[in-house]
Amino acid sequence: MIRELTSEQIVDNWGDLIDLINKTFDGERKEKLLKMYDYFEERMSIAPASGREHYHNAYAGGYVDHVLHVVKCAKQIYELWEENGATINFTEEELVFSALHHDLGKVGDLAEDYYTINDSEWHRKNQGLIYKHNPNLQYMTVTDRAMFLLQHFGINMSENEYIGLKLTDGLYEEANKSYFIGWTPDRSLKTNIAYILHQADMMATHIEFDRWKRGTYANEEAIKPKPKKKEVSEQSKKANDLFKELFND
């Protein structure tokens, strides 16, 4: 069964996206970002995040939902790395910028969508191929198209943002191998932003796949961990009392 967002959920997600831009960026860069998002609003707000139902978010509005999910996961993983002593030599703004735009190429070019609805019922039913790639587009990788669109709108990025955005797909993109496997210290990445973003994208994608398997929707409350059984805490209390009885005066 194809999972879909309601029109209200799509509108809410778009509002969250624009709100995130307004809160994260400022000055001329924010103005240029808002201009780009205004240009793509009609198409981007309903774009899917993938073409196959069993991949992730292959439904209208899936792209924005996925991007917001990756930003959320990136912030959480960022805090985890920092708490455990990782070197953090990039800003949260750089992290959010890269997370927001790692899949920008899936919007398509300046005139046409990246994905088009698959008109073959057989492929939709038997292969879950809900969308197909638009044959009218010039071939580019998703990442290269993201870079092209950002430069078209005059949106500059820092070196950290470039590395983070380029390497979010990790070793799933063959061209990234030389960045992740350097063999010598001087060839290794000088920032952890790429590792964090790749983990965030993987985390979001797999969770979205889990939601698809469960038949839940993108913004439904995630399944919460089951609380520990009451008997365990009682046993722990009894053991603690016994320890005190045996070894305390």
C-alpha atoms as a PDB file:
ATOM      1  CA  MET A   1       0.000   0.000   0.000  1.00  0.00           C
ATOM      2  CA  ILE A   2       1.307   3.457  -0.880  1.00  0.00           C
ATOM      3  CA  ARG A   3       1.753   5.692   2.137  1.00  0.00           C
ATOM      4  CA  GLU A   4       0.740   9.297   1.718  1.00  0.00           C
ATOM      5  CA  LEU A   5       0.735  12.531   3.651  1.00  0.00           C
ATOM      6  CA  THR A   6      -2.387  14.614   3.939  1.00  0.00           C
ATOM      7  CA  SER A   7      -2.456  18.058   2.356  1.00  0.00           C
ATOM      8  CA  GLU A   8      -2.368  19.523   5.872  1.00  0.00           C
ATOM      9  CA  GLN A   9       0.780  17.557   6.730  1.00  0.00           C
ATOM     10  CA  ILE A  10       2.459  18.699   3.518  1.00  0.00           C
ATOM     11  CA  VAL A  11       1.631  22.333   4.301  1.00  0.00           C
ATOM     12  CA  ASP A  12       2.841  21.953   7.899  1.00  0.00           C
ATOM     13  CA  ASN A  13       6.135  20.400   6.781  1.00  0.00           C
ATOM     14  CA  TRP A  14       6.727  23.215   4.331  1.00  0.00           C
ATOM     15  CA  GLY A  15       6.076  25.729   7.082  1.00  0.00           C
ATOM     16  CA  ASP A  16       8.571  23.918   9.329  1.00  0.00           C
ATOM     17  CA  LEU A  17      11.160  23.994   6.545  1.00  0.00           C
ATOM     18  CA  ILE A  18      10.848  27.730   5.953  1.00  0.00           C
ATOM     19  CA  ASP A  19      10.824  28.363   9.697  1.00  0.00           C
ATOM     20  CA  LEU A  20      14.074  26.375  10.017  1.00  0.00           C
ATOM     21  CA  ILE A  21      15.700  28.523   7.326  1.00  0.00           C
ATOM     22  CA  ASN A  22      14.569  31.739   8.984  1.00  0.00           C
ATOM     23  CA  LYS A  23      15.914  30.633  12.374  1.00  0.00           C
ATOM     24  CA  THR A  24      19.222  29.158  11.153  1.00  0.00           C
ATOM     25  CA  PHE A  25      20.467  31.651   8.586  1.00  0.00           C
ATOM     26  CA  ASP A  26      20.653  35.395   8.315  1.00  0.00           C
ATOM     27  CA  GLY A  27      21.656  38.215   6.025  1.00  0.00           C
ATOM     28  CA  GLU A  28      22.097  37.877   2.285  1.00  0.00           C
ATOM     29  CA  ARG A  29      22.427  34.093   2.389  1.00  0.00           C
ATOM     30  CA  LYS A  30      19.046  33.714   4.047  1.00  0.00           C
ATOM     31  CA  GLU A  31      17.490  35.982   1.428  1.00  0.00           C
ATOM     32  CA  LYS A  32      18.953  33.890  -1.386  1.00  0.00           C
ATOM     33  CA  LEU A  33      17.852  30.644   0.247  1.00  0.00           C
ATOM     34  CA  LEU A  34      14.310  31.943   0.674  1.00  0.00           C
ATOM     35  CA  LYS A  35      14.320  33.054  -2.953  1.00  0.00           C
ATOM     36  CA  MET A  36      15.331  29.558  -4.082  1.00  0.00           C
ATOM     37  CA  TYR A  37      12.745  27.867  -1.916  1.00  0.00           C
ATOM     38  CA  ASP A  38      10.077  30.263  -3.106  1.00  0.00           C
ATOM     39  CA  TYR A  39      11.002  29.380  -6.702  1.00  0.00           C
ATOM     40  CA  PHE A  40      10.695  25.630  -6.039  1.00  0.00           C
ATOM     41  CA  GLU A  41       7.831  25.689  -3.506  1.00  0.00           C
ATOM     42  CA  GLU A  42       5.115  24.261  -5.747  1.00  0.00           C
ATOM     43  CA  ARG A  43       7.304  21.374  -6.912  1.00  0.00           C
ATOM     44  CA  MET A  44       9.491  20.796  -3.868  1.00  0.00           C
ATOM     45  CA  SER A  45       6.643  20.694  -1.359  1.00  0.00           C
ATOM     46  CA  ILE A  46       5.090  17.660  -3.091  1.00  0.00           C
ATOM     47  CA  ALA A  47       8.267  15.963  -4.354  1.00  0.00           C
ATOM     48  CA  PRO A  48       8.929  12.374  -3.210  1.00  0.00           C
ATOM     49  CA  ALA A  49      12.225  11.365  -1.592  1.00  0.00           C
ATOM     50  CA  SER A  50      12.630   8.222  -3.708  1.00  0.00           C
ATOM     51  CA  GLY A  51      10.969   6.349  -6.543  1.00  0.00           C
ATOM     52  CA  ARG A  52      10.342   2.930  -5.007  1.00  0.00           C
ATOM     53  CA  GLU A  53       7.753   2.348  -2.326  1.00  0.00           C
ATOM     54  CA  HIS A  54      10.088   0.181  -0.223  1.00  0.00           C
ATOM     55  CA  TYR A  55      12.971   2.660  -0.322  1.00  0.00           C
ATOM     56  CA  HIS A  56      11.886   5.671   1.724  1.00  0.00           C
ATOM     57  CA  ASN A  57       9.213   8.345   1.507  1.00  0.00           C
ATOM     58  CA  ALA A  58       8.112   7.499  -2.030  1.00  0.00           C
ATOM     59  CA  TYR A  59       5.035   9.683  -1.829  1.00  0.00           C
ATOM     60  CA  ALA A  60       3.999  13.294  -2.343  1.00  0.00           C
ATOM     61  CA  GLY A  61       5.695  15.457   0.273  1.00  0.00           C
ATOM     62  CA  GLY A  62       8.260  12.759   1.046  1.00  0.00           C
ATOM     63  CA  TYR A  63      11.250  14.896   0.072  1.00  0.00           C
ATOM     64  CA  VAL A  64      10.619  17.694   2.568  1.00  0.00           C
ATOM     65  CA  ASP A  65       9.695  15.194   5.276  1.00  0.00           C
ATOM     66  CA  HIS A  66      12.978  13.320   4.704  1.00  0.00           C
ATOM     67  CA  VAL A  67      15.081  16.489   4.704  1.00  0.00           C
ATOM     68  CA  LEU A  68      13.555  17.641   7.982  1.00  0.00           C
ATOM     69  CA  HIS A  69      14.139  14.167   9.411  1.00  0.00           C
ATOM     70  CA  VAL A  70      17.820  14.207   8.403  1.00  0.00           C
ATOM     71  CA  VAL A  71      18.289  17.637  10.007  1.00  0.00           C
ATOM     72  CA  LYS A  72      16.750  16.353  13.239  1.00  0.00           C
ATOM     73  CA  CYS A  73      18.929  13.220  13.257  1.00  0.00           C
ATOM     74  CA  ALA A  74      22.046  15.240  12.394  1.00  0.00           C
ATOM     75  CA  LYS A  75      21.533  17.514  15.390  1.00  0.00           C
ATOM     76  CA  GLN A  76      21.048  14.526  17.694  1.00  0.00           C
ATOM     77  CA  ILE A  77      24.149  12.724  16.374  1.00  0.00           C
ATOM     78  CA  TYR A  78      26.135  15.966  16.539  1.00  0.00           C
ATOM     79  CA  GLU A  79      25.384  16.195  20.270  1.00  0.00           C
ATOM     80  CA  LEU A  80      26.297  12.532  20.788  1.00  0.00           C
ATOM     81  CA  TRP A  81      29.660  12.931  19.067  1.00  0.00           C
ATOM     82  CA  GLU A  82      30.397  16.124  21.013  1.00  0.00           C
ATOM     83  CA  GLU A  83      29.470  14.559  24.362  1.00  0.00           C
ATOM     84  CA  ASN A  84      31.843  11.674  23.643  1.00  0.00           C
ATOM     85  CA  GLY A  85      34.834  13.884  22.935  1.00  0.00           C
ATOM     86  CA  ALA A  86      34.804  14.231  19.147  1.00  0.00           C
ATOM     87  CA  THR A  87      36.483  17.236  17.576  1.00  0.00           C
ATOM     88  CA  ILE A  88      33.738  19.612  16.434  1.00  0.00           C
ATOM     89  CA  ASN A  89      35.344  22.179  14.137  1.00  0.00           C
ATOM     90  CA  PHE A  90      32.209  23.200  12.261  1.00  0.00           C
ATOM     91  CA  THR A  91      29.102  25.137  13.233  1.00  0.00           C
ATOM     92  CA  GLU A  92      25.528  23.974  13.652  1.00  0.00           C
ATOM     93  CA  GLU A  93      24.610  26.277  10.780  1.00  0.00           C
ATOM     94  CA  GLU A  94      27.033  24.404   8.521  1.00  0.00           C
ATOM     95  CA  LEU A  95      25.579  21.087   9.660  1.00  0.00           C
ATOM     96  CA  VAL A  96      22.001  22.197   8.977  1.00  0.00           C
ATOM     97  CA  PHE A  97      22.901  23.718   5.592  1.00  0.00           C
ATOM     98  CA  SER A  98      24.448  20.466   4.378  1.00  0.00           C
ATOM     99  CA  ALA A  99      21.623  18.332   5.750  1.00  0.00           C
ATOM    100  CA  LEU A 100      18.998  20.561   4.135  1.00  0.00           C
ATOM    101  CA  HIS A 101      20.566  20.357   0.703  1.00  0.00           C
ATOM    102  CA  HIS A 102      22.134  16.896   0.470  1.00  0.00           C
ATOM    103  CA  ASP A 103      19.205  15.695  -1.687  1.00  0.00           C
ATOM    104  CA  LEU A 104      18.362  18.989  -3.370  1.00  0.00           C
ATOM    105  CA  GLY A 105      19.041  17.434  -6.769  1.00  0.00           C
ATOM    106  CA  LYS A 106      15.924  15.290  -6.334  1.00  0.00           C
ATOM    107  CA  VAL A 107      13.815  18.379  -6.953  1.00  0.00           C
ATOM    108  CA  GLY A 108      14.915  18.356 -10.589  1.00  0.00           C
ATOM    109  CA  ASP A 109      16.241  21.181 -12.704  1.00  0.00           C
ATOM    110  CA  LEU A 110      14.927  24.706 -13.083  1.00  0.00           C
ATOM    111  CA  ALA A 111      11.998  23.582 -15.211  1.00  0.00           C
ATOM    112  CA  GLU A 112      11.239  19.894 -14.677  1.00  0.00           C
ATOM    113  CA  ASP A 113      10.825  17.420 -11.832  1.00  0.00           C
ATOM    114  CA  TYR A 114      13.417  14.758 -11.045  1.00  0.00           C
ATOM    115  CA  TYR A 115      10.715  12.117 -10.525  1.00  0.00           C
ATOM    116  CA  THR A 116       7.584  11.617 -12.616  1.00  0.00           C
ATOM    117  CA  ILE A 117       4.622   9.435 -11.690  1.00  0.00           C
ATOM    118  CA  ASN A 118       4.949   5.935 -13.113  1.00  0.00           C
ATOM    119  CA  ASP A 119       2.009   5.299 -15.434  1.00  0.00           C
ATOM    120  CA  SER A 120       2.660   1.538 -15.518  1.00  0.00           C
ATOM    121  CA  GLU A 121       0.263  -0.115 -13.088  1.00  0.00           C
ATOM    122  CA  TRP A 122       2.183  -3.384 -13.376  1.00  0.00           C
ATOM    123  CA  HIS A 123       5.440  -1.792 -12.194  1.00  0.00           C
ATOM    124  CA  ARG A 124       3.661   0.071  -9.424  1.00  0.00           C
ATOM    125  CA  LYS A 125       1.955  -3.080  -8.161  1.00  0.00           C
ATOM    126  CA  ASN A 126       4.701  -5.667  -8.662  1.00  0.00           C
ATOM    127  CA  GLN A 127       7.890  -3.678  -8.174  1.00  0.00           C
ATOM    128  CA  GLY A 128       6.732  -0.799  -6.004  1.00  0.00           C
ATOM    129  CA  LEU A 129       8.079   1.597  -8.631  1.00  0.00           C
ATOM    130  CA  ILE A 130       5.790   4.521  -7.846  1.00  0.00           C
ATOM    131  CA  TYR A 131       7.901   7.156  -9.593  1.00  0.00           C
ATOM    132  CA  LYS A 132      10.415   6.992 -12.430  1.00  0.00           C
ATOM    133  CA  HIS A 133      13.285   9.266 -13.364  1.00  0.00           C
ATOM    134  CA  ASN A 134      12.423  12.066 -15.734  1.00  0.00           C
ATOM    135  CA  PRO A 135      14.088  11.241 -19.085  1.00  0.00           C
ATOM    136  CA  ASN A 136      14.044  14.905 -20.107  1.00  0.00           C
ATOM    137  CA  LEU A 137      16.682  15.877 -17.535  1.00  0.00           C
ATOM    138  CA  GLN A 138      20.367  16.223 -18.309  1.00  0.00           C
ATOM    139  CA  TYR A 139      22.117  13.399 -16.463  1.00  0.00           C
ATOM    140  CA  MET A 140      23.731  14.492 -13.211  1.00  0.00           C
ATOM    141  CA  THR A 141      24.187  12.802  -9.882  1.00  0.00           C
ATOM    142  CA  VAL A 142      21.806  14.069  -7.203  1.00  0.00           C
ATOM    143  CA  THR A 143      24.739  15.728  -5.427  1.00  0.00           C
ATOM    144  CA  ASP A 144      26.066  17.427  -8.559  1.00  0.00           C
ATOM    145  CA  ARG A 145      22.602  18.783  -9.345  1.00  0.00           C
ATOM    146  CA  ALA A 146      22.330  20.093  -5.781  1.00  0.00           C
ATOM    147  CA  MET A 147      25.612  21.972  -6.260  1.00  0.00           C
ATOM    148  CA  PHE A 148      24.426  23.325  -9.602  1.00  0.00           C
ATOM    149  CA  LEU A 149      21.146  24.625  -8.175  1.00  0.00           C
ATOM    150  CA  LEU A 150      22.824  26.300  -5.216  1.00  0.00           C
ATOM    151  CA  GLN A 151      25.309  28.109  -7.432  1.00  0.00           C
ATOM    152  CA  HIS A 152      22.536  29.107  -9.828  1.00  0.00           C
ATOM    153  CA  PHE A 153      20.848  31.014  -7.012  1.00  0.00           C
ATOM    154  CA  GLY A 154      24.156  32.502  -5.872  1.00  0.00           C
ATOM    155  CA  ILE A 155      24.174  30.605  -2.577  1.00  0.00           C
ATOM    156  CA  ASN A 156      27.740  30.256  -1.323  1.00  0.00           C
ATOM    157  CA  MET A 157      28.891  27.517   0.991  1.00  0.00           C
ATOM    158  CA  SER A 158      31.829  27.021   3.289  1.00  0.00           C
ATOM    159  CA  GLU A 159      34.410  24.297   2.785  1.00  0.00           C
ATOM    160  CA  ASN A 160      32.837  22.315   5.635  1.00  0.00           C
ATOM    161  CA  GLU A 161      29.415  22.597   4.016  1.00  0.00           C
ATOM    162  CA  TYR A 162      30.815  21.471   0.674  1.00  0.00           C
ATOM    163  CA  ILE A 163      32.485  18.410   2.233  1.00  0.00           C
ATOM    164  CA  GLY A 164      29.400  17.572   4.289  1.00  0.00           C
ATOM    165  CA  LEU A 165      26.965  17.904   1.393  1.00  0.00           C
ATOM    166  CA  LYS A 166      29.187  16.079  -1.090  1.00  0.00           C
ATOM    167  CA  LEU A 167      29.849  13.113   1.213  1.00  0.00           C
ATOM    168  CA  THR A 168      26.454  12.592   2.864  1.00  0.00           C
ATOM    169  CA  ASP A 169      25.891   9.440   0.768  1.00  0.00           C
ATOM    170  CA  GLY A 170      29.081   7.955   2.170  1.00  0.00           C
ATOM    171  CA  LEU A 171      30.514   4.976   0.306  1.00  0.00           C
ATOM    172  CA  TYR A 172      27.190   4.372  -1.431  1.00  0.00           C
ATOM    173  CA  GLU A 173      28.594   6.865  -3.943  1.00  0.00           C
ATOM    174  CA  GLU A 174      31.679   5.414  -5.604  1.00  0.00           C
ATOM    175  CA  ALA A 175      33.192   8.860  -6.184  1.00  0.00           C
ATOM    176  CA  ASN A 176      33.398   9.386  -2.407  1.00  0.00           C
ATOM    177  CA  LYS A 177      35.784   6.492  -1.806  1.00  0.00           C
ATOM    178  CA  SER A 178      38.953   8.570  -2.038  1.00  0.00           C
ATOM    179  CA  TYR A 179      37.608  10.945   0.628  1.00  0.00           C
ATOM    180  CA  PHE A 180      36.740   8.256   3.172  1.00  0.00           C
ATOM    181  CA  ILE A 181      39.652   5.895   2.513  1.00  0.00           C
ATOM    182  CA  GLY A 182      42.761   8.059   2.564  1.00  0.00           C
ATOM    183  CA  TRP A 183      45.341   5.539   3.858  1.00  0.00           C
ATOM    184  CA  THR A 184      47.568   8.307   5.251  1.00  0.00           C
ATOM    185  CA  PRO A 185      46.843  10.927   7.953  1.00  0.00           C
ATOM    186  CA  ASP A 186      47.324  13.851   5.600  1.00  0.00           C
ATOM    187  CA  ARG A 187      44.681  12.438   3.241  1.00  0.00           C
ATOM    188  CA  SER A 188      42.083  11.841   5.964  1.00  0.00           C
ATOM    189  CA  LEU A 189      39.090  14.126   6.395  1.00  0.00           C
ATOM    190  CA  LYS A 190      39.891  17.182   8.507  1.00  0.00           C
ATOM    191  CA  THR A 191      36.344  17.439   9.851  1.00  0.00           C
ATOM    192  CA  ASN A 192      33.778  14.999  11.224  1.00  0.00           C
ATOM    193  CA  ILE A 193      30.829  16.718   9.535  1.00  0.00           C
ATOM    194  CA  ALA A 194      30.684  14.156   6.718  1.00  0.00           C
ATOM    195  CA  TYR A 195      30.562  11.197   9.122  1.00  0.00           C
ATOM    196  CA  ILE A 196      27.787  12.782  11.160  1.00  0.00           C
ATOM    197  CA  LEU A 197      25.708  13.655   8.101  1.00  0.00           C
ATOM    198  CA  HIS A 198      26.111  10.195   6.598  1.00  0.00           C
ATOM    199  CA  GLN A 199      24.982   8.602   9.854  1.00  0.00           C
ATOM    200  CA  ALA A 200      22.035  11.004  10.010  1.00  0.00           C
ATOM    201  CA  ASP A 201      20.947  10.212   6.454  1.00  0.00           C
ATOM    202  CA  MET A 202      21.285   6.471   7.063  1.00  0.00           C
ATOM    203  CA  MET A 203      19.370   6.735  10.333  1.00  0.00           C
ATOM    204  CA  ALA A 204      16.518   8.723   8.807  1.00  0.00           C
ATOM    205  CA  THR A 205      16.311   6.491   5.729  1.00  0.00           C
ATOM    206  CA  HIS A 206      16.181   3.234   7.688  1.00  0.00           C
ATOM    207  CA  ILE A 207      13.611   4.598  10.132  1.00  0.00           C
ATOM    208  CA  GLU A 208      11.468   5.736   7.203  1.00  0.00           C
ATOM    209  CA  PHE A 209      11.750   2.213   5.792  1.00  0.00           C
ATOM    210  CA  ASP A 210      10.661   0.826   9.176  1.00  0.00           C
ATOM    211  CA  ARG A 211       7.652   3.139   9.110  1.00  0.00           C
ATOM    212  CA  TRP A 212       6.765   1.850   5.674  1.00  0.00           C
ATOM    213  CA  LYS A 213       6.917  -1.740   6.939  1.00  0.00           C
ATOM    214  CA  ARG A 214       4.777  -0.876   9.944  1.00  0.00           C
ATOM    215  CA  GLY A 215       2.304   1.020   7.794  1.00  0.00           C
ATOM    216  CA  THR A 216       2.681   4.227   9.781  1.00  0.00           C
ATOM    217  CA  TYR A 217       3.048   7.716   8.425  1.00  0.00           C
ATOM    218  CA  ALA A 218       6.034  10.011   8.422  1.00  0.00           C
ATOM    219  CA  ASN A 219       5.014  12.290  11.276  1.00  0.00           C
ATOM    220  CA  GLU A 220       3.277   9.764  13.479  1.00  0.00           C
ATOM    221  CA  GLU A 221       4.780   9.297  16.907  1.00  0.00           C
ATOM    222  CA  ALA A 222       7.604   6.773  16.792  1.00  0.00           C
ATOM    223  CA  ILE A 223       7.218   3.524  18.663  1.00  0.00           C
ATOM    224  CA  LYS A 224       8.518   4.155  22.152  1.00  0.00           C
ATOM    225  CA  PRO A 225      10.868   1.717  23.902  1.00  0.00           C
ATOM    226  CA  LYS A 226       9.023  -0.609  26.207  1.00  0.00           C
ATOM    227  CA  PRO A 227       9.506   0.298  29.883  1.00  0.00           C
ATOM    228  CA  LYS A 228      11.428  -2.126  32.039  1.00  0.00           C
ATOM    229  CA  LYS A 229       9.302  -4.650  33.824  1.00  0.00           C
ATOM    230  CA  LYS A 230       8.336  -3.708  37.333  1.00  0.00           C
ATOM    231  CA  GLU A 231       9.685  -7.008  38.711  1.00  0.00           C
ATOM    232  CA  VAL A 232      13.222  -6.075  37.643  1.00  0.00           C
ATOM    233  CA  SER A 233      13.249  -2.866  39.657  1.00  0.00           C
ATOM    234  CA  GLU A 234      11.816  -4.673  42.694  1.00  0.00           C
ATOM    235  CA  GLN A 235      14.510  -7.370  42.462  1.00  0.00           C
ATOM    236  CA  SER A 236      17.152  -4.682  42.235  1.00  0.00           C
ATOM    237  CA  LYS A 237      15.753  -2.985  45.322  1.00  0.00           C
ATOM    238  CA  LYS A 238      15.734  -6.264  47.281  1.00  0.00           C
ATOM    239  CA  ALA A 239      19.342  -6.995  46.278  1.00  0.00           C
ATOM    240  CA  ASN A 240      20.389  -3.512  47.356  1.00  0.00           C
ATOM    241  CA  ASP A 241      18.632  -3.914  50.730  1.00  0.00           C
ATOM    242  CA  LEU A 242      20.326  -7.289  51.258  1.00  0.00           C
ATOM    243  CA  PHE A 243      23.736  -5.794  50.457  1.00  0.00           C
ATOM    244  CA  LYS A 244      23.189  -3.066  53.034  1.00  0.00           C
ATOM    245  CA  GLU A 245      22.030  -5.593  55.620  1.00  0.00           C
ATOM    246  CA  LEU A 246      25.115  -7.757  55.150  1.00  0.00           C
ATOM    247  CA  PHE A 247      27.830  -5.102  54.934  1.00  0.00           C
ATOM    248  CA  ASN A 248      26.526  -2.049  56.784  1.00  0.00           C
ATOM    249  CA  ASP A 249      26.692  -1.665  60.516  1.00  0.00           C
END
